[in-house]
Protein backbone atom coordinates (compact mmCIF):
# COMPACT_ATOMS: atom_id res chain seq x y z
CA MET A 1 -11.65 7.98 -14.99
CA ALA A 2 -8.45 9.43 -16.37
CA ASP A 3 -8.84 12.87 -14.74
CA MET A 4 -9.56 11.68 -11.21
CA PRO A 5 -6.81 9.74 -9.42
CA LEU A 6 -7.80 6.57 -7.62
CA ILE A 7 -6.52 4.98 -4.44
CA ASP A 8 -6.54 1.21 -4.11
CA SER A 9 -7.16 1.10 -0.38
CA HIS A 10 -6.39 -2.62 -0.06
CA CYS A 11 -4.09 -4.69 -2.26
CA HIS A 12 -1.55 -7.38 -1.39
CA LEU A 13 1.19 -6.42 -3.78
CA ASP A 14 3.66 -8.68 -1.94
CA ALA A 15 1.65 -11.79 -2.87
CA PRO A 16 3.57 -14.52 -4.73
CA GLU A 17 1.22 -14.25 -7.72
CA LEU A 18 2.58 -10.73 -8.38
CA ALA A 19 6.21 -11.18 -7.42
CA ALA A 20 7.65 -11.93 -10.87
CA ASP A 21 6.50 -8.70 -12.49
CA ILE A 22 5.48 -6.34 -9.73
CA GLN A 23 7.05 -3.26 -11.34
CA PRO A 24 5.09 -3.63 -14.62
CA VAL A 25 1.95 -4.49 -12.59
CA ARG A 26 2.24 -1.27 -10.64
CA ALA A 27 3.18 0.77 -13.71
CA LEU A 28 0.05 -0.38 -15.57
CA ALA A 29 -2.14 0.54 -12.64
CA ARG A 30 -0.55 3.97 -12.46
CA GLU A 31 -1.01 4.41 -16.20
CA ARG A 32 -4.73 3.69 -15.71
CA GLY A 33 -5.04 6.30 -13.00
CA VAL A 34 -4.35 4.38 -9.76
CA ALA A 35 -2.21 6.97 -8.07
CA HIS A 36 -1.67 5.09 -4.82
CA CYS A 37 -1.95 1.64 -3.23
CA VAL A 38 -2.20 0.63 0.42
CA ILE A 39 -0.39 -2.68 1.07
CA PRO A 40 -1.48 -4.46 4.28
CA ALA A 41 0.61 -7.12 5.96
CA VAL A 42 -0.99 -10.43 6.95
CA ASP A 43 1.61 -12.00 9.20
CA VAL A 44 4.77 -11.14 11.16
CA HIS A 45 6.76 -12.79 8.38
CA ASN A 46 5.82 -10.15 5.81
CA LEU A 47 5.98 -6.98 7.97
CA ASP A 48 9.31 -5.96 6.49
CA ALA A 49 8.31 -7.07 2.97
CA VAL A 50 5.29 -4.79 2.74
CA ARG A 51 7.23 -1.84 4.12
CA GLY A 52 10.04 -2.38 1.64
CA LEU A 53 7.61 -2.70 -1.24
CA ALA A 54 5.69 0.43 -0.28
CA HIS A 55 8.94 2.41 -0.32
CA GLN A 56 10.06 0.81 -3.55
CA LEU A 57 6.79 1.52 -5.37
CA GLY A 58 5.93 4.91 -3.85
CA ASP A 59 2.91 3.52 -2.02
CA SER A 60 1.98 3.01 1.66
CA TYR A 61 1.51 0.07 4.04
CA ALA A 62 -0.14 -1.28 7.16
CA LEU A 63 1.28 -3.72 9.69
CA GLY A 64 -0.76 -6.46 11.30
CA ILE A 65 -1.63 -10.13 11.69
CA HIS A 66 -4.55 -11.44 9.60
CA PRO A 67 -7.13 -13.64 11.39
CA LEU A 68 -6.31 -16.49 9.00
CA CYS A 69 -2.80 -16.41 10.45
CA SER A 70 -4.01 -16.16 14.04
CA ASN A 71 -3.68 -19.86 14.94
CA GLN A 72 0.10 -19.56 14.55
CA ALA A 73 0.34 -16.14 16.24
CA THR A 74 2.03 -16.08 19.63
CA ARG A 75 2.88 -13.48 22.22
CA ALA A 76 6.29 -13.23 20.58
CA HIS A 77 4.64 -12.40 17.26
CA LEU A 78 2.59 -9.66 18.85
CA ASP A 79 5.75 -8.32 20.46
CA ARG A 80 7.49 -8.28 17.08
CA LEU A 81 4.57 -6.37 15.60
CA ALA A 82 4.68 -3.90 18.49
CA GLN A 83 8.41 -3.50 17.92
CA ARG A 84 8.00 -2.76 14.20
CA LEU A 85 5.23 -0.26 14.89
CA ALA A 86 7.50 1.52 17.35
CA GLU A 87 10.49 1.43 15.00
CA HIS A 88 8.54 2.87 12.09
CA LYS A 89 6.25 5.28 13.96
CA ASP A 90 7.76 8.21 12.07
CA ASP A 91 7.62 6.55 8.67
CA PRO A 92 5.08 8.56 6.68
CA ARG A 93 4.24 5.51 4.59
CA LEU A 94 2.98 3.55 7.61
CA VAL A 95 -0.72 4.46 7.57
CA ALA A 96 -2.54 1.82 9.64
CA VAL A 97 -2.54 -1.35 11.66
CA GLY A 98 -3.80 -4.12 9.41
CA GLU A 99 -5.01 -6.40 8.09
CA ILE A 100 -6.59 -7.50 11.35
CA GLY A 101 -9.98 -8.78 12.44
CA LEU A 102 -12.05 -11.97 12.68
CA ASP A 103 -12.97 -14.73 10.22
CA TYR A 104 -15.76 -17.27 10.64
CA PHE A 105 -15.68 -18.65 7.12
CA VAL A 106 -12.70 -20.94 7.83
CA ASP A 107 -13.63 -23.71 10.25
CA ASP A 108 -10.29 -24.58 11.87
CA LEU A 109 -9.56 -21.22 13.48
CA ASP A 110 -9.42 -21.11 17.29
CA ASP A 111 -12.15 -18.58 18.00
CA SER A 112 -11.04 -17.42 21.45
CA HIS A 113 -7.45 -17.14 20.24
CA GLN A 114 -8.28 -15.13 17.11
CA GLN A 115 -10.33 -12.77 19.24
CA ARG A 116 -7.40 -12.29 21.62
CA ILE A 117 -5.02 -11.59 18.72
CA TYR A 118 -7.54 -9.12 17.29
CA ARG A 119 -7.98 -7.32 20.63
CA GLU A 120 -4.25 -7.02 21.23
CA GLN A 121 -3.80 -5.45 17.83
CA LEU A 122 -6.63 -3.00 18.45
CA LYS A 123 -4.74 -1.94 21.60
CA LEU A 124 -1.56 -1.44 19.57
CA ALA A 125 -3.47 0.73 17.09
CA ARG A 126 -4.97 2.74 19.96
CA ASP A 127 -1.60 3.19 21.63
CA HIS A 128 0.09 4.32 18.38
CA GLY A 129 -2.80 6.53 17.30
CA LEU A 130 -3.23 4.61 14.05
CA PRO A 131 -6.42 3.63 12.24
CA VAL A 132 -7.07 -0.03 11.49
CA ILE A 133 -7.82 -2.00 8.31
CA LEU A 134 -10.35 -4.64 9.23
CA HIS A 135 -11.24 -8.12 7.99
CA SER A 136 -14.73 -9.18 9.13
CA ARG A 137 -15.75 -12.22 7.09
CA ARG A 138 -18.95 -13.57 8.66
CA GLY A 139 -17.96 -11.83 11.88
CA VAL A 140 -19.11 -8.26 11.63
CA ASP A 141 -20.97 -8.13 14.93
CA LYS A 142 -18.04 -9.52 16.90
CA VAL A 143 -15.62 -7.17 15.13
CA LEU A 144 -17.86 -4.26 16.10
CA LYS A 145 -18.17 -5.49 19.70
CA HIS A 146 -14.42 -5.27 20.26
CA LEU A 147 -14.22 -1.90 18.50
CA ARG A 148 -16.74 -0.50 20.96
CA GLU A 149 -14.57 -1.67 23.84
CA ILE A 150 -11.20 -0.57 22.47
CA ASP A 151 -11.22 2.95 21.05
CA VAL A 152 -9.19 3.28 17.85
CA PRO A 153 -9.06 6.24 15.46
CA GLY A 154 -11.30 4.76 12.79
CA GLY A 155 -10.10 3.11 9.62
CA ILE A 156 -11.57 0.91 6.90
CA ALA A 157 -13.82 -2.15 7.08
CA HIS A 158 -12.34 -3.92 4.09
CA ALA A 159 -14.44 -5.98 1.62
CA PHE A 160 -17.58 -4.99 3.48
CA ASN A 161 -20.52 -7.34 2.93
CA GLY A 162 -22.69 -6.78 5.97
CA SER A 163 -26.12 -5.26 6.47
CA LEU A 164 -27.06 -1.62 6.32
CA GLN A 165 -27.48 -1.61 10.11
CA GLN A 166 -23.95 -3.00 10.55
CA ALA A 167 -22.64 -0.48 8.06
CA GLU A 168 -24.22 2.33 10.06
CA GLU A 169 -22.52 1.06 13.22
CA PHE A 170 -19.12 1.24 11.52
CA LEU A 171 -19.88 4.74 10.29
CA LYS A 172 -20.77 5.84 13.84
CA LEU A 173 -17.34 4.61 14.94
CA GLY A 174 -15.61 6.72 12.29
CA PHE A 175 -14.97 3.99 9.72
CA LYS A 176 -15.24 3.91 5.94
CA LEU A 177 -16.32 0.79 4.06
CA GLY A 178 -14.27 -0.90 1.32
CA PHE A 179 -15.85 -2.21 -1.88
CA GLY A 180 -14.21 -3.99 -4.80
CA GLY A 181 -14.58 -6.89 -7.19
CA ALA A 182 -17.50 -8.50 -5.37
CA ALA A 183 -19.69 -5.57 -6.38
CA THR A 184 -19.14 -6.26 -10.09
CA TYR A 185 -21.26 -9.44 -10.20
CA GLU A 186 -24.88 -9.20 -11.39
CA ARG A 187 -25.95 -11.73 -8.73
CA ALA A 188 -24.61 -9.49 -5.89
CA THR A 189 -28.04 -7.95 -5.46
CA ARG A 190 -27.84 -7.50 -1.69
CA LEU A 191 -24.48 -5.77 -1.99
CA HIS A 192 -25.86 -3.55 -4.73
CA ALA A 193 -28.84 -2.57 -2.58
CA LEU A 194 -26.43 -1.63 0.22
CA LEU A 195 -24.28 0.44 -2.12
CA ARG A 196 -27.34 2.41 -3.24
CA GLU A 197 -28.39 3.12 0.35
CA LEU A 198 -25.05 4.19 1.77
CA PRO A 199 -23.99 7.82 1.76
CA LEU A 200 -21.18 8.52 -0.70
CA SER A 201 -19.09 9.62 2.27
CA ALA A 202 -18.93 5.95 3.40
CA ILE A 203 -17.31 4.37 0.32
CA VAL A 204 -13.67 3.60 -0.43
CA LEU A 205 -12.45 1.51 -3.33
CA GLU A 206 -10.19 -1.54 -3.33
CA THR A 207 -9.15 -4.54 -5.40
CA ASP A 208 -7.89 -6.87 -2.63
CA SER A 209 -5.45 -7.91 -5.34
CA PRO A 210 -4.80 -10.71 -6.11
CA ASP A 211 -7.92 -11.90 -4.29
CA ILE A 212 -11.67 -11.19 -4.96
CA PRO A 213 -11.40 -10.86 -8.74
CA PRO A 214 -14.02 -8.85 -10.63
CA HIS A 215 -16.45 -10.81 -12.81
CA TRP A 216 -14.55 -10.27 -16.08
CA ILE A 217 -11.51 -12.06 -14.64
CA TYR A 218 -13.17 -14.86 -12.65
CA ARG A 219 -13.38 -18.35 -14.14
CA THR A 220 -15.58 -21.04 -12.62
CA ALA A 221 -14.18 -24.42 -11.59
CA ALA A 222 -15.82 -25.95 -14.67
CA GLU A 223 -14.25 -23.34 -16.95
CA ARG A 224 -10.84 -23.93 -15.38
CA GLU A 225 -11.26 -27.68 -15.82
CA ALA A 226 -12.00 -27.09 -19.46
CA GLY A 227 -8.71 -25.19 -19.80
CA ALA A 228 -9.76 -21.58 -19.28
CA LYS A 229 -7.06 -19.56 -17.55
CA GLN A 230 -7.97 -17.81 -14.34
CA GLY A 231 -7.41 -14.07 -14.74
CA ARG A 232 -5.12 -12.19 -12.38
CA ASN A 233 -6.57 -9.45 -10.25
CA THR A 234 -4.24 -6.44 -9.99
CA PRO A 235 -4.70 -2.75 -9.06
CA ALA A 236 -5.06 -2.01 -12.77
CA GLU A 237 -8.60 -3.36 -12.53
CA LEU A 238 -9.65 -0.61 -10.08
CA PRO A 239 -10.93 1.92 -12.65
CA ARG A 240 -13.30 -0.63 -14.18
CA ILE A 241 -14.42 -1.77 -10.72
CA ALA A 242 -15.08 1.85 -9.83
CA SER A 243 -17.15 2.29 -13.00
CA CYS A 244 -19.26 -0.75 -12.10
CA ILE A 245 -19.88 0.60 -8.60
CA ALA A 246 -20.74 4.02 -10.04
CA GLY A 247 -23.23 2.27 -12.32
CA VAL A 248 -24.86 0.57 -9.35
CA ARG A 249 -25.15 3.97 -7.69
CA GLY A 250 -26.41 5.62 -10.86
CA ILE A 251 -23.72 8.33 -10.78
CA ASP A 252 -20.83 9.40 -12.96
CA PRO A 253 -17.58 7.42 -12.30
CA GLU A 254 -15.70 10.67 -11.79
CA GLU A 255 -18.06 11.65 -8.99
CA LEU A 256 -17.59 8.31 -7.25
CA ALA A 257 -13.81 8.51 -7.70
CA ALA A 258 -13.67 12.00 -6.17
CA HIS A 259 -15.65 10.94 -3.11
CA ALA A 260 -13.73 7.68 -2.67
CA PHE A 261 -10.42 9.53 -2.90
CA GLU A 262 -11.35 11.98 -0.15
CA ASN A 263 -12.92 9.23 1.95
CA THR A 264 -9.68 7.23 1.85
CA LEU A 265 -7.66 10.25 2.96
CA ALA A 266 -10.13 10.74 5.81
CA ALA A 267 -9.93 7.10 6.87
CA LEU A 268 -6.10 7.01 6.67
CA PRO A 269 -5.00 10.55 7.57
CA ARG A 270 -1.30 9.94 6.95
CA LEU A 271 -2.14 9.57 3.26
CA ARG A 272 -3.04 13.24 3.13
CA ALA A 273 0.40 14.14 4.44
CA LEU A 274 1.95 11.98 1.71
CA THR A 275 0.07 13.87 -0.96
CA SER A 276 1.09 17.22 0.54
CA ALA A 277 4.73 16.15 0.68
CA GLY A 278 4.69 14.91 -2.91
CA LEU A 279 5.65 11.41 -1.83
CA TRP A 280 3.37 9.53 -4.22
CA GLY A 281 4.87 7.63 -7.10
């Protein structure tokens, strides 16, 4: 993978798990060929943090309110997000509105409220002409429903784990689909079948660092109880993740990397301007 640069299209480099040594973490990823990272916000309280980190590390960022933070989100929070999007509209490192969407894995979320927060952010993306980075855990159909009603300029359906039919609906709407550590597990047979059926033009790569660790890092609860240390998922794992996904597809990792690179630039067009301006790294 050394010859083909990679983009980690979704990594939370502002997470507490990475705070103590973020510079070495990013340096190792770059050494392994990860040329660029996209850092999405999850709440109004880290909008400034992700922007600052993207500038510090030579990466890019997205601004939004995650559905898991939607219960606490108020009109004032949406107004603050709108203000930051307006303030930074000319910042070349601002590439999307995200991470936004819907989550039906966590039981205590107010469904009607999270849908309102999601819709309002889609409107902000539409009004600013920005793509979106989507979270759709167990809620793909509802996420798609709102996308059909509020026209945004595409983006990425992060950590995609839906059906082929749902994937095709995202593609019709101009989206790419993000795949990462979940695809490295042998038991992920449904996800592997999907990856083999999708066109290469649909796929972007991600780590979701520090979440969704690949299989070689993950430790079961029993292993952790026995003293095994849980590995830490960072962007440096992306080349090996990409190799696993290429293996599922039955293609050379370099071929996958080349397609994923171009797909990410297509999904987040401001990234292409960053490459042209030499603003990576």
